[in-house]
């Protein structure tokens, strides 16, 4: 059986948020706040892009602004410019009853950004899912999620897959692509072993997910039936994407956190060739040109967070 290639010499504490964009893979080491890019040679270290003074869950590129990102970070969502300066859009988890941080996030095909929050102690139902519209408005779309991961979207943006990792469940939500409004979910995949973590879709509508605690990544057909399993030499696969020049390289991050005796490849990044390609990461597409990014001192300008969640 084909074994995955190890990409880079680093071993990450909590490697997640991997995305293929601008001809390269970028990823995060969440708790250290680092944004990294995968090296061109497997024996080289991961290359630093920037480091935030807070946890960094995931980023999406900003359209037509090379080196600029929108990020799920700290207790909210910020912009990062090409000099690494941050400008907070909103920090909705600042006043939460338990300590919170942002987790996974992704842009949808319509150019909005979606990101989930999680309690540091994985407090039951403490997490939420937020949406940043193209005009910069931030909406709490869902609440009462323990550990949200993903989301991932269908190619036309009419379906969203969101993992509730602590419950071993991936739900499928209908989405109005014009407004970003979500409808009632249906259970899509239930896991008896391990937890669904990072996810991505391919051009056939298949869904890939890293399965934490199993050393595996799974692909599911559009109807939710299991298609294939990729075995990985790391116990805690955490994030994944499809990339490479032809979109047929499955890139998977992993984590060492919580392991009493991590193995030599726990925390590594892996590459595995697959048959069905994916597409590069979608960009966040702001409706109007954003002003220069700034430091946290401008947090007073943050807009209020709306809520659509029941």
Protein backbone atom coordinates (compact mmCIF):
# COMPACT_ATOMS: atom_id res chain seq x y z
CA UNK A 1 0.00 0.00 0.00
CA UNK A 2 1.25 3.52 -0.81
CA UNK A 3 2.60 5.36 2.20
CA UNK A 4 2.25 9.12 2.60
CA UNK A 5 5.25 11.39 2.18
CA UNK A 6 6.34 13.48 5.18
CA UNK A 7 6.50 17.18 4.26
CA UNK A 8 9.05 19.20 6.20
CA UNK A 9 11.06 18.44 9.32
CA UNK A 10 8.77 20.17 11.84
CA UNK A 11 6.54 18.45 14.39
CA UNK A 12 3.64 20.73 15.31
CA UNK A 13 1.84 20.95 18.63
CA UNK A 14 -1.56 21.48 17.01
CA UNK A 15 -1.16 21.65 13.25
CA UNK A 16 -4.43 22.55 11.49
CA UNK A 17 -6.03 24.95 9.03
CA UNK A 18 -4.08 23.75 5.98
CA UNK A 19 -5.10 25.39 2.69
CA UNK A 20 -3.74 25.35 -0.87
CA UNK A 21 -3.51 28.92 -2.14
CA UNK A 22 -1.30 30.82 -4.56
CA UNK A 23 0.57 27.67 -5.52
CA UNK A 24 1.54 26.63 -2.00
CA UNK A 25 0.18 25.06 1.16
CA UNK A 26 -0.25 27.29 4.20
CA UNK A 27 -1.16 26.00 7.66
CA UNK A 28 -1.33 26.99 11.31
CA UNK A 29 0.14 25.77 14.57
CA UNK A 30 -2.85 26.95 16.53
CA UNK A 31 -1.66 27.51 20.07
CA UNK A 32 1.63 29.13 19.07
CA UNK A 33 -0.20 31.55 16.76
CA UNK A 34 2.04 30.69 13.82
CA UNK A 35 1.12 30.83 10.13
CA UNK A 36 3.48 28.64 8.10
CA UNK A 37 4.00 27.49 4.53
CA UNK A 38 5.04 24.03 3.43
CA UNK A 39 8.57 23.82 2.00
CA UNK A 40 9.40 22.93 -1.57
CA UNK A 41 11.70 20.16 -0.36
CA UNK A 42 10.52 17.50 2.12
CA UNK A 43 13.77 17.72 4.12
CA UNK A 44 13.40 21.47 4.75
CA UNK A 45 11.57 23.06 7.69
CA UNK A 46 8.21 24.78 7.40
CA UNK A 47 8.66 28.44 6.49
CA UNK A 48 7.24 31.09 8.84
CA UNK A 49 4.83 33.62 7.33
CA UNK A 50 3.83 35.44 10.50
CA UNK A 51 3.12 34.85 14.20
CA UNK A 52 0.24 36.37 16.15
CA UNK A 53 0.27 37.05 19.90
CA UNK A 54 -2.77 34.76 20.27
CA UNK A 55 -3.96 31.37 19.00
CA UNK A 56 -4.46 31.20 15.22
CA UNK A 57 -7.02 28.69 13.99
CA UNK A 58 -7.15 29.19 10.22
CA UNK A 59 -6.87 31.78 7.47
CA UNK A 60 -8.27 32.52 4.02
CA UNK A 61 -6.54 34.71 1.45
CA UNK A 62 -8.04 38.12 0.68
CA UNK A 63 -8.85 38.48 -3.01
CA UNK A 64 -6.51 40.72 -5.02
CA UNK A 65 -4.36 41.53 -1.96
CA UNK A 66 -1.29 39.26 -2.04
CA UNK A 67 0.00 38.46 1.42
CA UNK A 68 -3.22 39.59 3.13
CA UNK A 69 -5.41 37.18 5.10
CA UNK A 70 -8.64 37.02 7.04
CA UNK A 71 -8.13 34.89 10.12
CA UNK A 72 -9.94 33.02 12.87
CA UNK A 73 -7.72 34.05 15.77
CA UNK A 74 -7.80 34.69 19.49
CA UNK A 75 -11.41 35.33 20.50
CA UNK A 76 -12.55 36.52 17.09
CA UNK A 77 -11.75 37.40 13.51
CA UNK A 78 -9.08 39.73 12.17
CA UNK A 79 -7.30 40.85 9.03
CA UNK A 80 -3.55 40.27 8.68
CA UNK A 81 -1.57 42.39 6.22
CA UNK A 82 1.60 41.54 4.33
CA UNK A 83 3.71 42.98 7.16
CA UNK A 84 2.00 40.76 9.74
CA UNK A 85 -0.01 43.59 11.32
CA UNK A 86 -3.47 42.72 12.58
CA UNK A 87 -6.75 44.63 12.42
CA UNK A 88 -9.60 43.14 14.45
CA UNK A 89 -12.96 42.83 12.74
CA UNK A 90 -14.77 41.47 15.81
CA UNK A 91 -13.96 39.56 19.00
CA UNK A 92 -17.32 38.01 19.92
CA UNK A 93 -15.91 35.52 22.43
CA UNK A 94 -14.24 38.13 24.65
CA UNK A 95 -17.08 38.08 27.17
CA UNK A 96 -17.94 34.37 27.02
CA UNK A 97 -18.63 32.69 30.40
CA UNK A 98 -15.69 30.28 29.86
CA UNK A 99 -12.32 30.94 28.19
CA UNK A 100 -12.71 30.55 24.42
CA UNK A 101 -10.60 30.60 21.28
CA UNK A 102 -11.33 30.44 17.57
CA UNK A 103 -10.77 27.16 15.77
CA UNK A 104 -11.18 26.20 12.11
CA UNK A 105 -12.37 28.54 9.38
CA UNK A 106 -12.73 28.81 5.60
CA UNK A 107 -14.02 31.08 2.83
CA UNK A 108 -17.04 29.89 0.87
CA UNK A 109 -17.41 30.05 -2.94
CA UNK A 110 -19.33 33.35 -2.65
CA UNK A 111 -16.44 35.07 -0.83
CA UNK A 112 -17.72 35.04 2.76
CA UNK A 113 -15.59 33.77 5.68
CA UNK A 114 -16.88 31.24 8.23
CA UNK A 115 -15.18 30.29 11.51
CA UNK A 116 -16.01 28.32 14.64
CA UNK A 117 -15.14 28.89 18.29
CA UNK A 118 -14.35 26.37 21.01
CA UNK A 119 -13.77 26.46 24.78
CA UNK A 120 -10.22 25.73 25.90
CA UNK A 121 -11.64 22.98 28.11
CA UNK A 122 -14.03 21.80 25.37
CA UNK A 123 -17.00 22.82 27.52
CA UNK A 124 -20.15 21.16 26.19
CA UNK A 125 -22.15 23.34 23.76
CA UNK A 126 -19.94 26.40 24.38
CA UNK A 127 -18.90 26.81 20.73
CA UNK A 128 -20.48 28.79 17.92
CA UNK A 129 -20.14 29.28 14.17
CA UNK A 130 -19.69 32.81 12.81
CA UNK A 131 -20.01 34.22 9.30
CA UNK A 132 -18.22 37.32 8.02
CA UNK A 133 -20.12 38.76 5.07
CA UNK A 134 -18.38 40.59 2.25
CA UNK A 135 -19.39 43.95 3.76
CA UNK A 136 -17.59 43.01 7.00
CA UNK A 137 -20.69 42.28 9.08
CA UNK A 138 -20.22 39.41 11.53
CA UNK A 139 -23.12 37.08 12.36
CA UNK A 140 -23.34 34.25 14.88
CA UNK A 141 -25.00 31.65 12.66
CA UNK A 142 -25.02 28.61 14.99
CA UNK A 143 -24.51 28.04 18.70
CA UNK A 144 -24.48 25.05 21.08
CA UNK A 145 -21.62 23.24 19.30
CA UNK A 146 -18.93 21.72 21.50
CA UNK A 147 -16.00 21.49 19.05
CA UNK A 148 -16.88 22.87 15.58
CA UNK A 149 -14.53 21.86 12.77
CA UNK A 150 -14.59 22.67 9.09
CA UNK A 151 -16.75 23.96 7.64
CA UNK A 152 -16.45 22.73 4.06
CA UNK A 153 -18.68 23.77 1.17
CA UNK A 154 -20.01 22.24 -2.01
CA UNK A 155 -18.65 23.79 -5.21
CA UNK A 156 -21.78 25.93 -5.72
CA UNK A 157 -21.98 27.00 -2.08
CA UNK A 158 -25.46 25.53 -1.55
CA UNK A 159 -24.33 22.95 1.04
CA UNK A 160 -22.12 23.31 4.11
CA UNK A 161 -20.59 20.42 6.03
CA UNK A 162 -19.78 21.11 9.68
CA UNK A 163 -18.23 18.67 12.13
CA UNK A 164 -19.31 18.61 15.76
CA UNK A 165 -16.17 16.72 16.68
CA UNK A 166 -17.00 15.97 20.30
CA UNK A 167 -20.19 14.23 19.19
CA UNK A 168 -18.51 12.29 16.35
CA UNK A 169 -20.90 13.82 13.83
CA UNK A 170 -20.78 15.71 10.52
CA UNK A 171 -23.96 17.59 9.64
CA UNK A 172 -24.98 18.88 6.21
CA UNK A 173 -26.68 22.29 6.12
CA UNK A 174 -28.49 23.82 3.15
CA UNK A 175 -27.15 27.32 2.44
CA UNK A 176 -28.70 30.15 0.45
CA UNK A 177 -25.70 31.21 -1.64
CA UNK A 178 -27.10 34.73 -2.11
CA UNK A 179 -27.46 35.52 1.60
CA UNK A 180 -25.43 32.90 3.49
CA UNK A 181 -28.50 31.91 5.50
CA UNK A 182 -28.40 28.28 6.65
CA UNK A 183 -31.35 25.91 6.89
CA UNK A 184 -32.10 22.90 9.05
CA UNK A 185 -29.26 20.36 9.12
CA UNK A 186 -29.35 16.64 8.49
CA UNK A 187 -26.86 14.13 9.90
CA UNK A 188 -24.41 13.30 7.11
CA UNK A 189 -21.76 11.04 8.72
CA UNK A 190 -21.62 9.48 12.19
CA UNK A 191 -18.36 8.13 13.59
CA UNK A 192 -18.23 5.16 15.96
CA UNK A 193 -14.45 5.61 16.42
CA UNK A 194 -12.43 8.79 16.37
CA UNK A 195 -13.60 12.35 15.78
CA UNK A 196 -14.08 14.20 12.49
CA UNK A 197 -11.77 17.20 12.35
CA UNK A 198 -10.67 19.29 9.35
CA UNK A 199 -12.59 18.75 6.10
CA UNK A 200 -12.50 19.58 2.40
CA UNK A 201 -14.47 18.69 -0.73
CA UNK A 202 -13.31 17.57 -4.18
CA UNK A 203 -14.66 18.27 -7.67
CA UNK A 204 -16.97 15.21 -7.57
CA UNK A 205 -18.63 16.41 -4.35
CA UNK A 206 -16.74 13.92 -2.21
CA UNK A 207 -15.94 14.94 1.36
CA UNK A 208 -12.56 14.29 2.96
CA UNK A 209 -12.09 14.50 6.73
CA UNK A 210 -9.16 14.00 9.06
CA UNK A 211 -10.25 11.58 11.80
CA UNK A 212 -8.64 12.55 15.10
CA UNK A 213 -7.54 9.66 17.30
CA UNK A 214 -7.47 7.06 14.51
CA UNK A 215 -4.43 7.85 12.36
CA UNK A 216 -6.70 8.05 9.33
CA UNK A 217 -8.22 10.36 6.71
CA UNK A 218 -11.53 9.30 5.14
CA UNK A 219 -13.23 10.14 1.85
CA UNK A 220 -17.02 9.95 1.63
CA UNK A 221 -19.24 9.91 -1.43
CA UNK A 222 -21.77 12.78 -1.76
CA UNK A 223 -24.44 10.54 -0.19
CA UNK A 224 -22.30 10.09 2.95
CA UNK A 225 -21.16 6.51 2.30
CA UNK A 226 -17.49 5.72 2.95
CA UNK A 227 -15.33 5.55 -0.18
CA UNK A 228 -11.76 5.08 1.06
CA UNK A 229 -9.44 5.30 4.06
CA UNK A 230 -5.88 6.66 4.03
CA UNK A 231 -3.70 5.35 6.86
CA UNK A 232 -1.28 7.86 8.39
CA UNK A 233 1.65 7.29 10.78
CA UNK A 234 0.31 9.85 13.29
CA UNK A 235 -2.40 9.30 15.89
CA UNK A 236 -4.09 12.69 15.63
CA UNK A 237 -4.72 13.86 12.04
CA UNK A 238 -6.22 17.32 12.38
CA UNK A 239 -6.54 19.27 9.13
CA UNK A 240 -6.44 18.53 5.43
CA UNK A 241 -6.78 19.99 1.96
CA UNK A 242 -6.35 18.98 -1.67
CA UNK A 243 -3.59 20.78 -3.54
CA UNK A 244 -0.49 20.50 -5.63
CA UNK A 245 -0.20 21.59 -9.28
CA UNK A 246 -3.00 19.21 -10.35
CA UNK A 247 -5.10 19.34 -7.16
CA UNK A 248 -4.56 15.62 -6.56
CA UNK A 249 -2.29 15.80 -3.51
CA UNK A 250 -4.02 15.24 -0.18
CA UNK A 251 -2.15 17.27 2.44
CA UNK A 252 -2.79 16.38 6.08
CA UNK A 253 -1.63 18.05 9.30
CA UNK A 254 -1.38 16.31 12.67
CA UNK A 255 -0.90 17.15 16.34
CA UNK A 256 1.20 16.10 19.33
CA UNK A 257 -0.92 17.85 21.95
CA UNK A 258 -2.32 15.55 24.62
CA UNK A 259 -0.12 12.58 23.74
CA UNK A 260 1.87 11.25 26.69
CA UNK A 261 4.41 9.58 24.40
CA UNK A 262 4.23 11.12 20.92
CA UNK A 263 5.75 9.07 18.12
CA UNK A 264 8.37 10.39 15.70
CA UNK A 265 5.75 11.48 13.15
CA UNK A 266 3.07 12.82 15.47
CA UNK A 267 2.74 16.52 14.58
CA UNK A 268 4.09 16.04 11.05
CA UNK A 269 2.54 17.18 7.77
CA UNK A 270 1.83 14.45 5.20
CA UNK A 271 1.18 14.27 1.45
CA UNK A 272 -0.68 11.47 -0.34
CA UNK A 273 -1.69 11.18 -3.99
CA UNK A 274 -5.39 10.71 -4.75
CA UNK A 275 -7.48 10.27 -7.90
CA UNK A 276 -10.06 13.05 -7.65
CA UNK A 277 -8.72 16.63 -7.51
CA UNK A 278 -9.83 19.48 -5.34
CA UNK A 279 -9.66 23.22 -6.01
CA UNK A 280 -7.52 25.97 -4.44
CA UNK A 281 -8.82 27.61 -1.29
CA UNK A 282 -11.57 30.17 -1.88
CA UNK A 283 -10.73 33.79 -1.10
CA UNK A 284 -12.50 36.27 1.13
CA UNK A 285 -13.84 38.94 -1.22
CA UNK A 286 -14.57 42.23 0.57
CA UNK A 287 -17.12 44.44 -1.20
CA UNK A 288 -15.05 47.57 -0.81
CA UNK A 289 -11.37 48.28 -0.42
CA UNK A 290 -10.31 47.91 3.18
CA UNK A 291 -8.23 50.61 4.80
CA UNK A 292 -4.73 49.98 6.11
CA UNK A 293 -4.53 47.32 8.76
CA UNK A 294 -3.76 48.43 12.29
CA UNK A 295 -2.93 47.20 15.73
CA UNK A 296 -5.31 45.99 18.40
CA UNK A 297 -5.69 49.56 19.70
CA UNK A 298 -8.38 50.14 17.08
CA UNK A 299 -10.63 47.45 18.56
CA UNK A 300 -13.16 50.13 19.46
CA UNK A 301 -14.11 50.23 15.79
CA UNK A 302 -15.23 46.60 15.80
CA UNK A 303 -18.83 46.17 14.61
CA UNK A 304 -21.47 44.51 16.71
CA UNK A 305 -22.04 40.81 16.12
CA UNK A 306 -25.50 39.94 14.88
CA UNK A 307 -27.04 36.60 15.68
CA UNK A 308 -29.15 34.36 13.48
CA UNK A 309 -28.75 31.40 15.82
CA UNK A 310 -31.81 30.29 17.79
